[in-house]
């Protein structure tokens, strides 16, 4: 009977100790779980922070890409404008070079002489020339002895004739049918002499000039070609 009385408290004590151990184990487990949860939460917070930083960097990168695209469009537009400008400049330069080359390569000059004497009886006569030394540009017409300007510009003309007192010389420089200038030779002592003149005129393409011997006057020439007429283009308009 005594033994039973003693054993009962011992069993109760043993059960109590076992329960305490179980509670202790549970508390340890709870602590470990709480620690792990805290660690996980901390890791999650850090991860979220990294995600936020990454998103910010992505937004910055997108902004830079948009800016770069805008700059690309601007550069393409500027490049197109430059190409258009270059094309226009190239065309202008080509036209200018062509004009300059045309002016440089068009040499216009003539020099002619007459081998016989001429008398204008009763009316003026065109002085014709049978000797052509030079006719660059083909402005001088050998059939009627007119010079027709192949190009617009400033021209210089000179003319000379031999005279003597018994038969005076009076030569008219004509342009498009109008008297522009003249030269006259007269010697009261009965000698020989040369008369002539020169002039610079602005001609339009197609304008004509020639020389006329005034009525009842005379010029002398022979194979030595005392009578001459020359002209040349000084510069184009």
C-alpha atoms as a PDB file:
ATOM      1  CA  UNK A   1       0.000   0.000   0.000  1.00  0.00           C
ATOM      2  CA  UNK A   2       2.876   2.245   0.856  1.00  0.00           C
ATOM      3  CA  UNK A   3       4.555   1.429  -2.390  1.00  0.00           C
ATOM      4  CA  UNK A   4       1.551   2.515  -4.391  1.00  0.00           C
ATOM      5  CA  UNK A   5       1.385   5.783  -2.543  1.00  0.00           C
ATOM      6  CA  UNK A   6       5.015   6.511  -3.391  1.00  0.00           C
ATOM      7  CA  UNK A   7       4.770   5.518  -7.064  1.00  0.00           C
ATOM      8  CA  UNK A   8       1.856   7.776  -7.884  1.00  0.00           C
ATOM      9  CA  UNK A   9       3.685  11.026  -7.181  1.00  0.00           C
ATOM     10  CA  UNK A  10       6.712   9.747  -9.036  1.00  0.00           C
ATOM     11  CA  UNK A  11       4.642   9.020 -12.088  1.00  0.00           C
ATOM     12  CA  UNK A  12       3.075  12.442 -11.922  1.00  0.00           C
ATOM     13  CA  UNK A  13       6.510  14.051 -11.629  1.00  0.00           C
ATOM     14  CA  UNK A  14       7.778  12.039 -14.573  1.00  0.00           C
ATOM     15  CA  UNK A  15       4.834  13.122 -16.690  1.00  0.00           C
ATOM     16  CA  UNK A  16       5.348  16.729 -15.757  1.00  0.00           C
ATOM     17  CA  UNK A  17       9.015  16.583 -16.698  1.00  0.00           C
ATOM     18  CA  UNK A  18       8.133  14.984 -20.027  1.00  0.00           C
ATOM     19  CA  UNK A  19       5.630  17.708 -20.736  1.00  0.00           C
ATOM     20  CA  UNK A  20       8.200  20.369 -19.885  1.00  0.00           C
ATOM     21  CA  UNK A  21      10.647  18.824 -22.322  1.00  0.00           C
ATOM     22  CA  UNK A  22       8.015  18.784 -25.030  1.00  0.00           C
ATOM     23  CA  UNK A  23       7.151  22.428 -24.427  1.00  0.00           C
ATOM     24  CA  UNK A  24      10.823  23.305 -24.502  1.00  0.00           C
ATOM     25  CA  UNK A  25      11.234  21.525 -27.842  1.00  0.00           C
ATOM     26  CA  UNK A  26       8.173  23.281 -29.215  1.00  0.00           C
ATOM     27  CA  UNK A  27       9.495  26.644 -28.069  1.00  0.00           C
ATOM     28  CA  UNK A  28      12.821  25.935 -29.711  1.00  0.00           C
ATOM     29  CA  UNK A  29      11.076  24.984 -32.924  1.00  0.00           C
ATOM     30  CA  UNK A  30       8.985  28.147 -32.779  1.00  0.00           C
ATOM     31  CA  UNK A  31      12.135  30.217 -32.229  1.00  0.00           C
ATOM     32  CA  UNK A  32      13.859  28.602 -35.159  1.00  0.00           C
ATOM     33  CA  UNK A  33      10.820  29.165 -37.340  1.00  0.00           C
ATOM     34  CA  UNK A  34      10.532  32.784 -36.252  1.00  0.00           C
ATOM     35  CA  UNK A  35      14.234  33.325 -36.979  1.00  0.00           C
ATOM     36  CA  UNK A  36      13.862  31.789 -40.406  1.00  0.00           C
ATOM     37  CA  UNK A  37      10.805  33.929 -41.073  1.00  0.00           C
ATOM     38  CA  UNK A  38      12.692  37.082 -40.038  1.00  0.00           C
ATOM     39  CA  UNK A  39      15.589  36.102 -42.271  1.00  0.00           C
ATOM     40  CA  UNK A  40      13.223  35.396 -45.149  1.00  0.00           C
ATOM     41  CA  UNK A  41      11.472  38.730 -44.626  1.00  0.00           C
ATOM     42  CA  UNK A  42      14.816  40.539 -44.592  1.00  0.00           C
ATOM     43  CA  UNK A  43      15.868  38.740 -47.791  1.00  0.00           C
ATOM     44  CA  UNK A  44      12.530  39.603 -49.378  1.00  0.00           C
ATOM     45  CA  UNK A  45      12.915  43.266 -48.442  1.00  0.00           C
ATOM     46  CA  UNK A  46      16.412  43.300 -49.947  1.00  0.00           C
ATOM     47  CA  UNK A  47      15.141  41.554 -53.077  1.00  0.00           C
ATOM     48  CA  UNK A  48      12.316  44.047 -53.424  1.00  0.00           C
ATOM     49  CA  UNK A  49      14.849  46.848 -53.050  1.00  0.00           C
ATOM     50  CA  UNK A  50      16.966  45.353 -55.815  1.00  0.00           C
ATOM     51  CA  UNK A  51      13.897  44.995 -58.020  1.00  0.00           C
ATOM     52  CA  UNK A  52      13.033  48.661 -57.425  1.00  0.00           C
ATOM     53  CA  UNK A  53      16.590  49.679 -58.349  1.00  0.00           C
ATOM     54  CA  UNK A  54      16.440  47.504 -61.448  1.00  0.00           C
ATOM     55  CA  UNK A  55      13.096  49.018 -62.467  1.00  0.00           C
ATOM     56  CA  UNK A  56      14.547  52.509 -61.995  1.00  0.00           C
ATOM     57  CA  UNK A  57      17.537  51.623 -64.155  1.00  0.00           C
ATOM     58  CA  UNK A  58      15.218  50.170 -66.794  1.00  0.00           C
ATOM     59  CA  UNK A  59      13.171  53.367 -66.826  1.00  0.00           C
ATOM     60  CA  UNK A  60      16.358  55.424 -67.195  1.00  0.00           C
ATOM     61  CA  UNK A  61      17.505  53.144 -70.002  1.00  0.00           C
ATOM     62  CA  UNK A  62      14.135  53.496 -71.745  1.00  0.00           C
ATOM     63  CA  UNK A  63      14.358  57.293 -71.424  1.00  0.00           C
ATOM     64  CA  UNK A  64      17.832  57.267 -72.936  1.00  0.00           C
ATOM     65  CA  UNK A  65      16.625  55.031 -75.766  1.00  0.00           C
ATOM     66  CA  UNK A  66      13.770  57.450 -76.519  1.00  0.00           C
ATOM     67  CA  UNK A  67      16.190  60.385 -76.469  1.00  0.00           C
ATOM     68  CA  UNK A  68      18.597  58.502 -78.724  1.00  0.00           C
ATOM     69  CA  UNK A  69      15.791  57.733 -81.164  1.00  0.00           C
ATOM     70  CA  UNK A  70      14.769  61.406 -81.260  1.00  0.00           C
ATOM     71  CA  UNK A  71      18.393  62.377 -81.872  1.00  0.00           C
ATOM     72  CA  UNK A  72      18.636  59.767 -84.637  1.00  0.00           C
ATOM     73  CA  UNK A  73      15.582  61.218 -86.376  1.00  0.00           C
ATOM     74  CA  UNK A  74      17.056  64.721 -86.093  1.00  0.00           C
ATOM     75  CA  UNK A  75      20.379  63.561 -87.513  1.00  0.00           C
ATOM     76  CA  UNK A  76      18.655  61.767 -90.392  1.00  0.00           C
ATOM     77  CA  UNK A  77      16.705  64.942 -91.176  1.00  0.00           C
ATOM     78  CA  UNK A  78      19.876  67.061 -91.053  1.00  0.00           C
ATOM     79  CA  UNK A  79      21.691  64.542 -93.251  1.00  0.00           C
ATOM     80  CA  UNK A  80      18.852  64.659 -95.792  1.00  0.00           C
ATOM     81  CA  UNK A  81      18.969  68.459 -95.815  1.00  0.00           C
ATOM     82  CA  UNK A  82      22.734  68.376 -96.274  1.00  0.00           C
ATOM     83  CA  UNK A  83      22.383  65.961 -99.183  1.00  0.00           C
ATOM     84  CA  UNK A  84      19.766  68.206-100.797  1.00  0.00           C
ATOM     85  CA  UNK A  85      21.991  71.229-100.271  1.00  0.00           C
ATOM     86  CA  UNK A  86      24.993  69.382-101.687  1.00  0.00           C
ATOM     87  CA  UNK A  87      22.947  68.365-104.721  1.00  0.00           C
ATOM     88  CA  UNK A  88      21.866  71.964-105.330  1.00  0.00           C
ATOM     89  CA  UNK A  89      25.402  73.246-104.782  1.00  0.00           C
ATOM     90  CA  UNK A  90      26.812  70.607-107.104  1.00  0.00           C
ATOM     91  CA  UNK A  91      24.322  71.563-109.795  1.00  0.00           C
ATOM     92  CA  UNK A  92      25.118  75.259-109.335  1.00  0.00           C
ATOM     93  CA  UNK A  93      28.856  74.600-109.460  1.00  0.00           C
ATOM     94  CA  UNK A  94      28.463  72.432-112.560  1.00  0.00           C
ATOM     95  CA  UNK A  95      26.446  75.176-114.258  1.00  0.00           C
ATOM     96  CA  UNK A  96      29.009  77.808-113.312  1.00  0.00           C
ATOM     97  CA  UNK A  97      31.880  75.659-114.564  1.00  0.00           C
ATOM     98  CA  UNK A  98      30.034  75.017-117.803  1.00  0.00           C
ATOM     99  CA  UNK A  99      29.455  78.750-118.231  1.00  0.00           C
ATOM    100  CA  UNK A 100      33.073  79.563-117.456  1.00  0.00           C
ATOM    101  CA  UNK A 101      34.318  76.844-119.767  1.00  0.00           C
ATOM    102  CA  UNK A 102      31.999  78.116-122.492  1.00  0.00           C
ATOM    103  CA  UNK A 103      33.340  81.620-122.060  1.00  0.00           C
ATOM    104  CA  UNK A 104      36.933  80.450-121.968  1.00  0.00           C
ATOM    105  CA  UNK A 105      36.659  78.269-125.057  1.00  0.00           C
ATOM    106  CA  UNK A 106      34.723  80.722-127.255  1.00  0.00           C
ATOM    107  CA  UNK A 107      37.420  82.844-128.893  1.00  0.00           C
ATOM    108  CA  UNK A 108      35.964  85.312-131.373  1.00  0.00           C
ATOM    109  CA  UNK A 109      38.224  87.423-133.560  1.00  0.00           C
ATOM    110  CA  UNK A 110      38.606  88.314-137.226  1.00  0.00           C
ATOM    111  CA  UNK A 111      41.121  90.131-139.407  1.00  0.00           C
ATOM    112  CA  UNK A 112      40.546  90.801-143.117  1.00  0.00           C
ATOM    113  CA  UNK A 113      42.060  92.861-145.936  1.00  0.00           C
ATOM    114  CA  UNK A 114      41.150  94.206-149.387  1.00  0.00           C
ATOM    115  CA  UNK A 115      43.461  93.796-152.370  1.00  0.00           C
ATOM    116  CA  UNK A 116      41.792  96.246-154.795  1.00  0.00           C
ATOM    117  CA  UNK A 117      40.794  99.910-154.807  1.00  0.00           C
ATOM    118  CA  UNK A 118      37.173 101.004-154.440  1.00  0.00           C
ATOM    119  CA  UNK A 119      35.197 104.041-155.637  1.00  0.00           C
ATOM    120  CA  UNK A 120      31.697 104.914-154.397  1.00  0.00           C
ATOM    121  CA  UNK A 121      30.020 106.794-157.244  1.00  0.00           C
ATOM    122  CA  UNK A 122      26.682 108.427-156.470  1.00  0.00           C
ATOM    123  CA  UNK A 123      25.909 106.316-153.364  1.00  0.00           C
ATOM    124  CA  UNK A 124      27.562 104.631-150.409  1.00  0.00           C
ATOM    125  CA  UNK A 125      29.147 101.237-150.968  1.00  0.00           C
ATOM    126  CA  UNK A 126      29.834  98.413-148.534  1.00  0.00           C
ATOM    127  CA  UNK A 127      33.566  97.787-148.368  1.00  0.00           C
ATOM    128  CA  UNK A 128      34.116  94.089-149.040  1.00  0.00           C
ATOM    129  CA  UNK A 129      37.258  92.127-148.233  1.00  0.00           C
ATOM    130  CA  UNK A 130      38.792  89.280-150.207  1.00  0.00           C
ATOM    131  CA  UNK A 131      41.644  88.363-147.876  1.00  0.00           C
ATOM    132  CA  UNK A 132      40.786  86.638-144.579  1.00  0.00           C
ATOM    133  CA  UNK A 133      43.684  86.220-142.186  1.00  0.00           C
ATOM    134  CA  UNK A 134      41.611  85.210-139.184  1.00  0.00           C
ATOM    135  CA  UNK A 135      37.965  84.316-138.515  1.00  0.00           C
ATOM    136  CA  UNK A 136      37.775  82.552-135.145  1.00  0.00           C
ATOM    137  CA  UNK A 137      34.161  81.969-134.183  1.00  0.00           C
ATOM    138  CA  UNK A 138      33.033  82.444-137.816  1.00  0.00           C
ATOM    139  CA  UNK A 139      31.476  85.812-137.080  1.00  0.00           C
ATOM    140  CA  UNK A 140      32.767  87.420-140.286  1.00  0.00           C
ATOM    141  CA  UNK A 141      30.694  86.708-143.385  1.00  0.00           C
ATOM    142  CA  UNK A 142      33.022  86.465-146.370  1.00  0.00           C
ATOM    143  CA  UNK A 143      30.173  86.927-148.863  1.00  0.00           C
ATOM    144  CA  UNK A 144      28.919  90.346-147.715  1.00  0.00           C
ATOM    145  CA  UNK A 145      31.774  91.392-145.346  1.00  0.00           C
ATOM    146  CA  UNK A 146      29.402  91.877-142.401  1.00  0.00           C
ATOM    147  CA  UNK A 147      30.454  90.802-138.931  1.00  0.00           C
ATOM    148  CA  UNK A 148      27.569  89.194-136.985  1.00  0.00           C
ATOM    149  CA  UNK A 149      28.194  88.796-133.241  1.00  0.00           C
ATOM    150  CA  UNK A 150      28.077  85.089-132.272  1.00  0.00           C
ATOM    151  CA  UNK A 151      27.845  86.043-128.571  1.00  0.00           C
ATOM    152  CA  UNK A 152      26.710  89.019-126.542  1.00  0.00           C
ATOM    153  CA  UNK A 153      29.580  91.024-125.142  1.00  0.00           C
ATOM    154  CA  UNK A 154      31.989  93.918-125.596  1.00  0.00           C
ATOM    155  CA  UNK A 155      33.879  93.976-128.895  1.00  0.00           C
ATOM    156  CA  UNK A 156      36.707  96.116-130.240  1.00  0.00           C
ATOM    157  CA  UNK A 157      37.019  97.019-133.931  1.00  0.00           C
ATOM    158  CA  UNK A 158      39.739  98.793-135.923  1.00  0.00           C
ATOM    159  CA  UNK A 159      39.907  99.782-139.612  1.00  0.00           C
ATOM    160  CA  UNK A 160      42.460 101.460-141.866  1.00  0.00           C
ATOM    161  CA  UNK A 161      42.512 102.689-145.467  1.00  0.00           C
ATOM    162  CA  UNK A 162      44.987 104.359-147.823  1.00  0.00           C
ATOM    163  CA  UNK A 163      44.110 107.663-149.522  1.00  0.00           C
ATOM    164  CA  UNK A 164      45.709 110.455-151.585  1.00  0.00           C
ATOM    165  CA  UNK A 165      44.655 114.056-152.154  1.00  0.00           C
ATOM    166  CA  UNK A 166      43.172 113.573-155.575  1.00  0.00           C
ATOM    167  CA  UNK A 167      40.759 110.941-154.256  1.00  0.00           C
ATOM    168  CA  UNK A 168      39.770 111.547-150.654  1.00  0.00           C
ATOM    169  CA  UNK A 169      38.681 108.800-148.272  1.00  0.00           C
ATOM    170  CA  UNK A 170      35.585 108.887-146.040  1.00  0.00           C
ATOM    171  CA  UNK A 171      34.640 105.570-144.351  1.00  0.00           C
ATOM    172  CA  UNK A 172      31.565 104.984-142.167  1.00  0.00           C
ATOM    173  CA  UNK A 173      31.402 102.405-139.388  1.00  0.00           C
ATOM    174  CA  UNK A 174      27.856 100.964-139.398  1.00  0.00           C
ATOM    175  CA  UNK A 175      25.940  98.964-136.789  1.00  0.00           C
ATOM    176  CA  UNK A 176      22.535  97.438-137.510  1.00  0.00           C
ATOM    177  CA  UNK A 177      22.000  99.938-140.339  1.00  0.00           C
ATOM    178  CA  UNK A 178      23.006 103.041-138.359  1.00  0.00           C
ATOM    179  CA  UNK A 179      26.106 105.200-138.667  1.00  0.00           C
ATOM    180  CA  UNK A 180      28.161 104.944-135.446  1.00  0.00           C
ATOM    181  CA  UNK A 181      31.610 106.312-136.299  1.00  0.00           C
ATOM    182  CA  UNK A 182      33.767 107.388-139.264  1.00  0.00           C
ATOM    183  CA  UNK A 183      37.271 108.108-140.495  1.00  0.00           C
ATOM    184  CA  UNK A 184      38.360 110.547-143.183  1.00  0.00           C
ATOM    185  CA  UNK A 185      41.573 111.069-145.087  1.00  0.00           C
ATOM    186  CA  UNK A 186      42.545 114.243-146.951  1.00  0.00           C
ATOM    187  CA  UNK A 187      45.881 115.741-147.931  1.00  0.00           C
ATOM    188  CA  UNK A 188      45.810 119.219-149.483  1.00  0.00           C
ATOM    189  CA  UNK A 189      49.407 118.804-150.628  1.00  0.00           C
ATOM    190  CA  UNK A 190      48.585 115.864-152.858  1.00  0.00           C
ATOM    191  CA  UNK A 191      50.352 113.240-150.764  1.00  0.00           C
ATOM    192  CA  UNK A 192      49.438 109.766-149.604  1.00  0.00           C
ATOM    193  CA  UNK A 193      48.208 108.829-146.138  1.00  0.00           C
ATOM    194  CA  UNK A 194      46.421 106.279-143.964  1.00  0.00           C
ATOM    195  CA  UNK A 195      43.106 107.020-142.300  1.00  0.00           C
ATOM    196  CA  UNK A 196      41.407 104.826-139.736  1.00  0.00           C
ATOM    197  CA  UNK A 197      39.755 104.570-136.367  1.00  0.00           C
ATOM    198  CA  UNK A 198      38.856 102.138-133.618  1.00  0.00           C
ATOM    199  CA  UNK A 199      35.861 101.619-131.367  1.00  0.00           C
ATOM    200  CA  UNK A 200      34.620  99.414-128.542  1.00  0.00           C
ATOM    201  CA  UNK A 201      30.942  98.471-128.582  1.00  0.00           C
ATOM    202  CA  UNK A 202      28.592  96.302-126.558  1.00  0.00           C
ATOM    203  CA  UNK A 203      26.865  93.974-129.009  1.00  0.00           C
ATOM    204  CA  UNK A 204      24.011  91.570-128.485  1.00  0.00           C
ATOM    205  CA  UNK A 205      24.138  88.200-130.143  1.00  0.00           C
ATOM    206  CA  UNK A 206      23.084  88.666-133.768  1.00  0.00           C
ATOM    207  CA  UNK A 207      24.026  92.357-134.039  1.00  0.00           C
ATOM    208  CA  UNK A 208      25.800  93.262-137.297  1.00  0.00           C
ATOM    209  CA  UNK A 209      28.599  95.730-138.050  1.00  0.00           C
ATOM    210  CA  UNK A 210      30.299  96.640-141.343  1.00  0.00           C
ATOM    211  CA  UNK A 211      32.113  99.441-143.164  1.00  0.00           C
ATOM    212  CA  UNK A 212      30.785 101.676-145.941  1.00  0.00           C
ATOM    213  CA  UNK A 213      32.632 104.016-148.262  1.00  0.00           C
ATOM    214  CA  UNK A 214      30.766 107.310-148.412  1.00  0.00           C
ATOM    215  CA  UNK A 215      29.465 108.344-151.848  1.00  0.00           C
ATOM    216  CA  UNK A 216      31.915 110.015-154.226  1.00  0.00           C
ATOM    217  CA  UNK A 217      34.932 108.949-152.178  1.00  0.00           C
ATOM    218  CA  UNK A 218      37.756 106.518-152.802  1.00  0.00           C
ATOM    219  CA  UNK A 219      40.125 104.080-151.059  1.00  0.00           C
ATOM    220  CA  UNK A 220      43.271 102.729-152.629  1.00  0.00           C
ATOM    221  CA  UNK A 221      44.650  99.190-152.265  1.00  0.00           C
ATOM    222  CA  UNK A 222      46.520  96.492-154.153  1.00  0.00           C
ATOM    223  CA  UNK A 223      48.285  93.206-153.456  1.00  0.00           C
ATOM    224  CA  UNK A 224      49.986  94.904-150.501  1.00  0.00           C
ATOM    225  CA  UNK A 225      46.570  95.096-148.784  1.00  0.00           C
ATOM    226  CA  UNK A 226      46.487  98.686-147.484  1.00  0.00           C
ATOM    227  CA  UNK A 227      42.798  98.368-146.559  1.00  0.00           C
ATOM    228  CA  UNK A 228      42.016  96.285-143.443  1.00  0.00           C
ATOM    229  CA  UNK A 229      39.247  95.603-140.957  1.00  0.00           C
ATOM    230  CA  UNK A 230      39.678  93.734-137.633  1.00  0.00           C
ATOM    231  CA  UNK A 231      37.557  92.927-134.594  1.00  0.00           C
ATOM    232  CA  UNK A 232      37.578  90.767-131.472  1.00  0.00           C
ATOM    233  CA  UNK A 233      35.485  89.880-128.438  1.00  0.00           C
ATOM    234  CA  UNK A 234      36.987  91.433-125.303  1.00  0.00           C
ATOM    235  CA  UNK A 235      34.615  89.789-122.820  1.00  0.00           C
ATOM    236  CA  UNK A 236      31.140  88.317-122.711  1.00  0.00           C
ATOM    237  CA  UNK A 237      28.205  89.910-120.908  1.00  0.00           C
END
